[in-house]
N, C-alpha and C. Protein backbone atom coordinates (compact mmCIF):
# COMPACT_ATOMS: atom_id res chain seq x y z
N SER A 1 -13.85 16.04 -232.45
CA SER A 1 -12.52 16.43 -232.01
C SER A 1 -11.50 15.45 -232.54
N LYS A 2 -10.27 15.90 -232.69
CA LYS A 2 -9.24 15.04 -233.27
C LYS A 2 -8.93 13.84 -232.38
N HIS A 3 -9.27 13.97 -231.10
CA HIS A 3 -8.93 12.89 -230.17
C HIS A 3 -9.64 11.58 -230.46
N ILE A 4 -10.84 11.67 -231.01
CA ILE A 4 -11.58 10.45 -231.29
C ILE A 4 -10.77 9.59 -232.25
N VAL A 5 -10.08 10.25 -233.16
CA VAL A 5 -9.27 9.53 -234.12
C VAL A 5 -8.07 8.94 -233.41
N GLU A 6 -7.18 9.78 -232.94
CA GLU A 6 -5.97 9.28 -232.31
C GLU A 6 -5.06 10.44 -231.93
N VAL A 7 -4.34 10.25 -230.84
CA VAL A 7 -3.28 11.19 -230.49
C VAL A 7 -1.98 10.45 -230.78
N PRO A 8 -1.13 11.00 -231.64
CA PRO A 8 0.09 10.28 -232.01
C PRO A 8 1.10 10.22 -230.86
N ALA A 9 2.02 9.26 -230.98
CA ALA A 9 3.01 9.02 -229.92
C ALA A 9 3.88 10.23 -229.64
N ASP A 10 4.11 11.08 -230.64
CA ASP A 10 4.99 12.23 -230.39
C ASP A 10 4.33 13.27 -229.50
N GLU A 11 3.06 13.07 -229.18
CA GLU A 11 2.38 13.95 -228.22
C GLU A 11 2.09 13.17 -226.94
N GLU A 12 3.05 12.35 -226.52
CA GLU A 12 2.79 11.44 -225.39
C GLU A 12 2.35 12.15 -224.12
N ALA A 13 3.00 13.28 -223.78
CA ALA A 13 2.63 13.99 -222.55
C ALA A 13 1.18 14.46 -222.63
N HIS A 14 0.80 14.97 -223.79
CA HIS A 14 -0.57 15.42 -224.01
C HIS A 14 -1.53 14.23 -223.93
N LEU A 15 -1.13 13.12 -224.51
CA LEU A 15 -1.95 11.90 -224.51
C LEU A 15 -2.24 11.45 -223.08
N VAL A 16 -1.20 11.43 -222.24
CA VAL A 16 -1.35 10.99 -220.85
C VAL A 16 -2.28 11.93 -220.10
N THR A 17 -2.06 13.24 -220.24
CA THR A 17 -2.89 14.22 -219.54
C THR A 17 -4.34 14.10 -219.96
N TRP A 18 -4.54 14.00 -221.27
CA TRP A 18 -5.90 13.95 -221.82
C TRP A 18 -6.63 12.69 -221.38
N LEU A 19 -5.98 11.53 -221.51
CA LEU A 19 -6.64 10.28 -221.14
C LEU A 19 -6.85 10.19 -219.63
N SER A 20 -5.89 10.70 -218.85
CA SER A 20 -6.04 10.68 -217.39
C SER A 20 -7.26 11.49 -216.98
N ARG A 21 -7.44 12.63 -217.65
CA ARG A 21 -8.58 13.49 -217.33
C ARG A 21 -9.88 12.79 -217.73
N ARG A 22 -9.89 12.15 -218.89
CA ARG A 22 -11.11 11.49 -219.36
C ARG A 22 -11.52 10.34 -218.45
N LEU A 23 -10.53 9.64 -217.90
CA LEU A 23 -10.82 8.48 -217.06
C LEU A 23 -10.86 8.84 -215.58
N ASP A 24 -10.48 10.10 -215.27
CA ASP A 24 -10.39 10.53 -213.88
C ASP A 24 -9.49 9.59 -213.09
N ALA A 25 -8.34 9.29 -213.66
CA ALA A 25 -7.36 8.41 -213.02
C ALA A 25 -5.99 8.82 -213.53
N GLN A 26 -4.97 8.67 -212.71
CA GLN A 26 -3.62 9.03 -213.16
C GLN A 26 -3.04 7.87 -213.98
N LEU A 27 -2.94 8.07 -215.27
CA LEU A 27 -2.43 7.02 -216.14
C LEU A 27 -0.98 7.27 -216.48
N HIS A 28 -0.32 6.25 -216.95
CA HIS A 28 0.96 6.49 -217.59
C HIS A 28 1.09 5.48 -218.72
N VAL A 29 2.02 5.77 -219.62
CA VAL A 29 2.15 4.96 -220.83
C VAL A 29 3.25 3.94 -220.62
N PRO A 30 2.91 2.65 -220.61
CA PRO A 30 3.95 1.64 -220.44
C PRO A 30 4.97 1.72 -221.58
N ASN A 31 6.23 1.52 -221.22
CA ASN A 31 7.30 1.51 -222.22
C ASN A 31 7.60 0.05 -222.56
N LEU A 32 7.28 -0.34 -223.79
CA LEU A 32 7.45 -1.74 -224.21
C LEU A 32 8.61 -1.91 -225.17
N ARG A 33 9.51 -0.93 -225.21
CA ARG A 33 10.63 -1.00 -226.16
C ARG A 33 11.52 -2.21 -225.91
N SER A 34 11.63 -2.62 -224.65
CA SER A 34 12.47 -3.79 -224.34
C SER A 34 11.95 -5.04 -225.04
N LEU A 35 10.66 -5.03 -225.39
CA LEU A 35 10.07 -6.18 -226.09
C LEU A 35 9.96 -5.91 -227.59
N GLY A 36 10.46 -4.74 -228.02
CA GLY A 36 10.44 -4.44 -229.45
C GLY A 36 9.20 -3.71 -229.92
N TYR A 37 8.39 -3.19 -228.98
CA TYR A 37 7.16 -2.48 -229.37
C TYR A 37 7.30 -1.01 -229.07
N ARG A 38 6.94 -0.18 -230.06
CA ARG A 38 6.98 1.26 -229.83
C ARG A 38 5.55 1.80 -229.84
N LEU A 39 5.32 2.80 -229.02
CA LEU A 39 4.01 3.43 -228.95
C LEU A 39 3.72 4.13 -230.27
N ILE A 40 2.54 3.89 -230.85
CA ILE A 40 2.18 4.66 -232.04
C ILE A 40 1.08 5.67 -231.74
N GLY A 41 0.41 5.54 -230.61
CA GLY A 41 -0.59 6.53 -230.26
C GLY A 41 -1.66 5.95 -229.36
N GLY A 42 -2.68 6.74 -229.13
CA GLY A 42 -3.75 6.29 -228.25
C GLY A 42 -5.05 6.97 -228.59
N ARG A 43 -6.10 6.43 -228.03
CA ARG A 43 -7.42 7.01 -228.23
C ARG A 43 -8.30 6.65 -227.05
N GLN A 44 -9.43 7.34 -226.97
CA GLN A 44 -10.40 6.97 -225.96
C GLN A 44 -11.50 6.20 -226.64
N THR A 45 -11.96 5.14 -225.99
CA THR A 45 -13.07 4.37 -226.52
C THR A 45 -13.97 4.03 -225.33
N VAL A 46 -14.98 3.22 -225.56
CA VAL A 46 -15.86 2.81 -224.47
C VAL A 46 -15.92 1.30 -224.45
N VAL A 47 -15.66 0.71 -223.30
CA VAL A 47 -15.76 -0.74 -223.14
C VAL A 47 -16.64 -1.00 -221.93
N ALA A 48 -17.64 -1.85 -222.10
CA ALA A 48 -18.56 -2.17 -221.00
C ALA A 48 -19.09 -0.88 -220.35
N ASP A 49 -19.51 0.06 -221.21
CA ASP A 49 -20.10 1.32 -220.76
C ASP A 49 -19.16 2.22 -219.95
N ALA A 50 -17.87 1.91 -219.96
CA ALA A 50 -16.92 2.74 -219.20
C ALA A 50 -15.92 3.37 -220.16
N PRO A 51 -15.57 4.66 -219.93
CA PRO A 51 -14.53 5.26 -220.76
C PRO A 51 -13.24 4.47 -220.61
N THR A 52 -12.61 4.20 -221.71
CA THR A 52 -11.43 3.33 -221.74
C THR A 52 -10.33 3.99 -222.55
N ALA A 53 -9.12 3.96 -222.01
CA ALA A 53 -7.96 4.46 -222.75
C ALA A 53 -7.38 3.29 -223.52
N MET A 54 -7.13 3.50 -224.81
CA MET A 54 -6.52 2.46 -225.61
C MET A 54 -5.20 2.97 -226.16
N LEU A 55 -4.12 2.29 -225.82
CA LEU A 55 -2.79 2.66 -226.30
C LEU A 55 -2.38 1.63 -227.34
N MET A 56 -1.86 2.10 -228.45
CA MET A 56 -1.49 1.20 -229.53
C MET A 56 0.01 1.16 -229.69
N TYR A 57 0.52 -0.04 -229.89
CA TYR A 57 1.96 -0.24 -230.08
C TYR A 57 2.18 -1.04 -231.35
N GLU A 58 3.33 -0.79 -231.97
CA GLU A 58 3.67 -1.57 -233.16
C GLU A 58 5.02 -2.22 -232.93
N GLY A 59 5.11 -3.48 -233.33
CA GLY A 59 6.33 -4.24 -233.08
C GLY A 59 6.90 -4.81 -234.35
N PRO A 60 7.72 -5.84 -234.20
CA PRO A 60 8.40 -6.45 -235.33
C PRO A 60 7.42 -6.88 -236.41
N GLY A 61 7.74 -6.56 -237.65
CA GLY A 61 6.89 -6.98 -238.76
C GLY A 61 5.55 -6.29 -238.80
N GLY A 62 5.42 -5.16 -238.07
CA GLY A 62 4.16 -4.43 -238.11
C GLY A 62 3.08 -4.99 -237.21
N THR A 63 3.42 -5.96 -236.37
CA THR A 63 2.43 -6.53 -235.44
C THR A 63 1.96 -5.45 -234.47
N ARG A 64 0.64 -5.32 -234.32
CA ARG A 64 0.10 -4.31 -233.41
C ARG A 64 -0.51 -4.94 -232.18
N ILE A 65 -0.21 -4.35 -231.05
CA ILE A 65 -0.84 -4.79 -229.81
C ILE A 65 -1.45 -3.56 -229.15
N SER A 66 -2.43 -3.79 -228.29
CA SER A 66 -3.05 -2.67 -227.60
C SER A 66 -3.03 -2.93 -226.10
N VAL A 67 -2.92 -1.83 -225.36
CA VAL A 67 -3.05 -1.87 -223.91
C VAL A 67 -4.26 -1.00 -223.60
N GLN A 68 -5.26 -1.59 -222.94
CA GLN A 68 -6.47 -0.84 -222.62
C GLN A 68 -6.57 -0.69 -221.11
N LEU A 69 -6.99 0.50 -220.68
CA LEU A 69 -7.11 0.78 -219.25
C LEU A 69 -8.45 1.43 -218.98
N ARG A 70 -9.10 1.02 -217.89
CA ARG A 70 -10.31 1.71 -217.48
C ARG A 70 -10.44 1.64 -215.96
N ARG A 71 -11.23 2.55 -215.43
CA ARG A 71 -11.45 2.59 -213.98
C ARG A 71 -12.20 1.34 -213.55
N MET A 72 -11.77 0.75 -212.43
CA MET A 72 -12.49 -0.37 -211.84
C MET A 72 -12.72 0.01 -210.38
N PRO A 73 -13.76 0.78 -210.12
CA PRO A 73 -13.91 1.38 -208.80
C PRO A 73 -14.03 0.36 -207.67
N SER A 74 -14.45 -0.87 -207.98
CA SER A 74 -14.60 -1.86 -206.91
C SER A 74 -13.25 -2.14 -206.24
N ASN A 75 -12.15 -1.84 -206.99
CA ASN A 75 -10.81 -1.93 -206.41
C ASN A 75 -10.39 -3.34 -206.01
N ARG A 76 -11.05 -4.35 -206.56
CA ARG A 76 -10.60 -5.71 -206.27
C ARG A 76 -9.47 -6.05 -207.23
N ASP A 77 -8.31 -6.36 -206.70
CA ASP A 77 -7.21 -6.77 -207.57
C ASP A 77 -7.43 -8.22 -207.99
N THR A 78 -7.10 -8.53 -209.23
CA THR A 78 -7.30 -9.89 -209.72
C THR A 78 -6.05 -10.38 -210.42
N GLY A 79 -5.94 -11.68 -210.58
CA GLY A 79 -4.84 -12.25 -211.33
C GLY A 79 -5.08 -12.14 -212.83
N PHE A 80 -4.09 -12.53 -213.61
CA PHE A 80 -4.22 -12.51 -215.07
C PHE A 80 -5.28 -13.52 -215.52
N ARG A 81 -6.09 -13.12 -216.47
CA ARG A 81 -7.08 -14.02 -217.06
C ARG A 81 -6.90 -13.93 -218.57
N LEU A 82 -6.86 -15.07 -219.22
CA LEU A 82 -6.63 -15.09 -220.67
C LEU A 82 -7.93 -15.37 -221.39
N GLU A 83 -8.15 -14.67 -222.48
CA GLU A 83 -9.35 -14.89 -223.28
C GLU A 83 -8.98 -14.79 -224.75
N THR A 84 -9.49 -15.71 -225.55
CA THR A 84 -9.34 -15.56 -227.00
C THR A 84 -10.49 -14.68 -227.45
N LEU A 85 -10.17 -13.65 -228.22
CA LEU A 85 -11.18 -12.66 -228.55
C LEU A 85 -12.05 -13.10 -229.72
N ALA A 86 -13.32 -12.86 -229.58
CA ALA A 86 -14.26 -13.24 -230.63
C ALA A 86 -13.96 -12.45 -231.89
N PRO A 87 -14.06 -13.12 -233.05
CA PRO A 87 -13.75 -12.42 -234.30
C PRO A 87 -14.69 -11.25 -234.57
N ASP A 88 -15.84 -11.21 -233.88
CA ASP A 88 -16.77 -10.10 -234.14
C ASP A 88 -16.53 -8.92 -233.21
N ASN A 89 -15.43 -8.95 -232.46
CA ASN A 89 -15.13 -7.84 -231.57
C ASN A 89 -14.66 -6.65 -232.40
N ARG A 90 -15.53 -5.66 -232.56
CA ARG A 90 -15.26 -4.52 -233.45
C ARG A 90 -14.00 -3.77 -233.08
N VAL A 91 -13.83 -3.53 -231.79
CA VAL A 91 -12.66 -2.76 -231.34
C VAL A 91 -11.40 -3.45 -231.82
N LEU A 92 -11.39 -4.78 -231.66
CA LEU A 92 -10.18 -5.51 -232.02
C LEU A 92 -9.92 -5.52 -233.49
N GLN A 93 -10.98 -5.65 -234.28
CA GLN A 93 -10.77 -5.71 -235.72
C GLN A 93 -10.11 -4.43 -236.21
N ALA A 94 -10.43 -3.33 -235.56
CA ALA A 94 -9.84 -2.06 -235.96
C ALA A 94 -8.32 -2.08 -235.77
N ILE A 95 -7.88 -2.68 -234.68
CA ILE A 95 -6.44 -2.66 -234.41
C ILE A 95 -5.75 -3.87 -234.97
N HIS A 96 -6.42 -4.99 -234.92
CA HIS A 96 -5.79 -6.25 -235.30
C HIS A 96 -6.53 -6.84 -236.50
N PRO A 97 -6.30 -6.31 -237.70
CA PRO A 97 -7.00 -6.84 -238.87
C PRO A 97 -6.63 -8.32 -239.05
N ALA A 98 -7.51 -9.05 -239.68
CA ALA A 98 -7.26 -10.48 -239.87
C ALA A 98 -6.04 -10.67 -240.76
N VAL A 99 -4.98 -11.17 -240.19
CA VAL A 99 -3.77 -11.46 -240.95
C VAL A 99 -3.30 -12.84 -240.51
N ASP A 100 -2.22 -13.31 -241.11
CA ASP A 100 -1.75 -14.65 -240.76
C ASP A 100 -1.03 -14.63 -239.42
N HIS A 101 -1.79 -14.57 -238.38
CA HIS A 101 -1.26 -14.54 -237.02
C HIS A 101 -2.14 -15.45 -236.19
N PRO A 102 -1.71 -15.80 -234.99
CA PRO A 102 -2.66 -16.45 -234.09
C PRO A 102 -3.84 -15.50 -233.88
N PRO A 103 -5.02 -16.02 -233.56
CA PRO A 103 -6.16 -15.11 -233.32
C PRO A 103 -5.83 -14.21 -232.14
N PRO A 104 -6.30 -12.97 -232.17
CA PRO A 104 -5.97 -12.06 -231.07
C PRO A 104 -6.46 -12.64 -229.74
N MET A 105 -5.60 -12.56 -228.75
CA MET A 105 -5.97 -12.96 -227.40
C MET A 105 -5.76 -11.76 -226.51
N ALA A 106 -6.35 -11.81 -225.33
CA ALA A 106 -6.14 -10.72 -224.39
C ALA A 106 -5.92 -11.27 -222.99
N PHE A 107 -5.00 -10.66 -222.28
CA PHE A 107 -4.87 -10.91 -220.85
C PHE A 107 -5.55 -9.75 -220.14
N TYR A 108 -6.40 -10.09 -219.16
CA TYR A 108 -7.11 -9.07 -218.38
C TYR A 108 -6.68 -9.17 -216.93
N TRP A 109 -6.61 -8.04 -216.24
CA TRP A 109 -6.44 -8.07 -214.80
C TRP A 109 -6.86 -6.72 -214.24
N ALA A 110 -7.04 -6.68 -212.92
CA ALA A 110 -7.39 -5.42 -212.25
C ALA A 110 -6.39 -5.19 -211.13
N ASP A 111 -5.97 -3.93 -210.98
CA ASP A 111 -4.95 -3.59 -210.00
C ASP A 111 -5.05 -2.10 -209.72
N HIS A 112 -4.91 -1.71 -208.46
CA HIS A 112 -4.90 -0.29 -208.08
C HIS A 112 -6.11 0.47 -208.63
N GLY A 113 -7.27 -0.18 -208.63
CA GLY A 113 -8.48 0.51 -209.08
C GLY A 113 -8.59 0.70 -210.57
N LEU A 114 -7.70 0.05 -211.34
CA LEU A 114 -7.77 0.13 -212.80
C LEU A 114 -7.94 -1.27 -213.37
N GLY A 115 -8.69 -1.35 -214.46
CA GLY A 115 -8.79 -2.61 -215.20
C GLY A 115 -7.88 -2.53 -216.41
N PHE A 116 -7.13 -3.58 -216.65
CA PHE A 116 -6.16 -3.62 -217.75
C PHE A 116 -6.54 -4.73 -218.73
N ALA A 117 -6.27 -4.51 -220.00
CA ALA A 117 -6.36 -5.58 -221.00
C ALA A 117 -5.20 -5.37 -221.97
N VAL A 118 -4.45 -6.43 -222.20
CA VAL A 118 -3.37 -6.39 -223.18
C VAL A 118 -3.77 -7.37 -224.27
N ALA A 119 -3.92 -6.86 -225.50
CA ALA A 119 -4.45 -7.69 -226.57
C ALA A 119 -3.55 -7.65 -227.80
N GLY A 120 -3.52 -8.74 -228.51
CA GLY A 120 -2.76 -8.77 -229.75
C GLY A 120 -2.69 -10.17 -230.32
N PRO A 121 -2.32 -10.26 -231.58
CA PRO A 121 -2.26 -11.56 -232.27
C PRO A 121 -0.92 -12.26 -231.99
N LEU A 122 -0.61 -12.46 -230.72
CA LEU A 122 0.66 -13.06 -230.34
C LEU A 122 0.42 -14.44 -229.75
N ALA A 123 1.48 -15.23 -229.71
CA ALA A 123 1.40 -16.50 -228.99
C ALA A 123 1.20 -16.17 -227.51
N ARG A 124 0.57 -17.09 -226.81
CA ARG A 124 0.21 -16.87 -225.42
C ARG A 124 1.40 -16.42 -224.56
N ALA A 125 2.54 -17.09 -224.71
CA ALA A 125 3.71 -16.76 -223.89
C ALA A 125 4.20 -15.33 -224.15
N GLN A 126 4.16 -14.92 -225.43
CA GLN A 126 4.61 -13.56 -225.78
C GLN A 126 3.67 -12.52 -225.19
N LEU A 127 2.37 -12.80 -225.30
CA LEU A 127 1.38 -11.84 -224.80
C LEU A 127 1.49 -11.72 -223.28
N LEU A 128 1.72 -12.86 -222.63
CA LEU A 128 1.88 -12.85 -221.17
C LEU A 128 3.09 -12.01 -220.77
N GLU A 129 4.15 -12.10 -221.56
CA GLU A 129 5.36 -11.31 -221.29
C GLU A 129 5.04 -9.81 -221.35
N VAL A 130 4.25 -9.41 -222.36
CA VAL A 130 3.84 -8.00 -222.47
C VAL A 130 3.02 -7.61 -221.25
N ALA A 131 2.05 -8.46 -220.88
CA ALA A 131 1.18 -8.18 -219.73
C ALA A 131 2.01 -8.01 -218.46
N ARG A 132 3.01 -8.86 -218.29
CA ARG A 132 3.85 -8.78 -217.08
C ARG A 132 4.64 -7.48 -217.03
N VAL A 133 5.14 -7.04 -218.19
CA VAL A 133 5.89 -5.78 -218.23
C VAL A 133 4.97 -4.61 -217.86
N VAL A 134 3.75 -4.60 -218.42
CA VAL A 134 2.78 -3.54 -218.11
C VAL A 134 2.46 -3.57 -216.61
N PHE A 135 2.20 -4.76 -216.09
CA PHE A 135 1.86 -4.92 -214.67
C PHE A 135 2.99 -4.39 -213.79
N ARG A 136 4.23 -4.79 -214.12
CA ARG A 136 5.39 -4.40 -213.31
C ARG A 136 5.60 -2.88 -213.36
N GLN A 137 5.50 -2.30 -214.57
CA GLN A 137 5.70 -0.84 -214.68
C GLN A 137 4.62 -0.08 -213.92
N TYR A 138 3.38 -0.57 -213.98
CA TYR A 138 2.31 0.12 -213.26
C TYR A 138 2.50 -0.01 -211.76
N SER A 139 2.99 -1.16 -211.30
CA SER A 139 3.22 -1.35 -209.87
C SER A 139 4.29 -0.38 -209.38
N GLU A 140 5.36 -0.21 -210.18
CA GLU A 140 6.42 0.74 -209.81
C GLU A 140 5.90 2.17 -209.83
N PHE A 141 5.03 2.44 -210.80
CA PHE A 141 4.50 3.79 -210.98
C PHE A 141 3.57 4.18 -209.83
N THR A 142 2.72 3.24 -209.41
CA THR A 142 1.72 3.57 -208.41
C THR A 142 2.19 3.30 -207.00
N GLY A 143 3.14 2.37 -206.85
CA GLY A 143 3.56 2.00 -205.50
C GLY A 143 2.44 1.24 -204.81
N PRO A 144 2.65 0.80 -203.57
CA PRO A 144 1.57 0.11 -202.87
C PRO A 144 0.49 1.14 -202.52
N ALA A 145 -0.58 1.11 -203.26
CA ALA A 145 -1.62 2.15 -203.12
C ALA A 145 -2.37 1.99 -201.81
N PRO A 146 -2.58 3.11 -201.12
CA PRO A 146 -3.50 3.05 -199.97
C PRO A 146 -4.89 2.79 -200.53
N ARG A 147 -5.58 1.85 -199.94
CA ARG A 147 -6.92 1.50 -200.43
C ARG A 147 -7.90 2.64 -200.15
N LYS A 148 -8.57 3.09 -201.20
CA LYS A 148 -9.61 4.11 -200.99
C LYS A 148 -10.92 3.38 -200.74
N GLU A 149 -11.56 3.68 -199.63
CA GLU A 149 -12.84 3.00 -199.34
C GLU A 149 -13.94 3.63 -200.17
């Protein structure tokens, strides 16, 4: 199916519906234009044996960052955790080819039953800024969720 490749940004409504159905969770696409990143599309992949939505953004100078979302049924909310990504991470190499940038890093956190990862070859402070925008938009989108037992 064409979805394995990518759903382009101009089909955003379709992308949201399709990925939400695949993950069995109500997703939405963070708007990162305030930081200079525009959505270029999304795809479904698998991370840690769980279906994962991957949204791709392109920013100044062609820098690409990704926002990944997956269900975290344990529902434990966590703070931001930073990790420098191993160069052998296949998923990352696809989005972040080796170029003259800092090595790709990712901020991870869990909130409202979803696991988030924001990854890209940015300086730590810039990547954290992206993560905070995603976190804030998702909090506004979901509101204070009633905990599902």
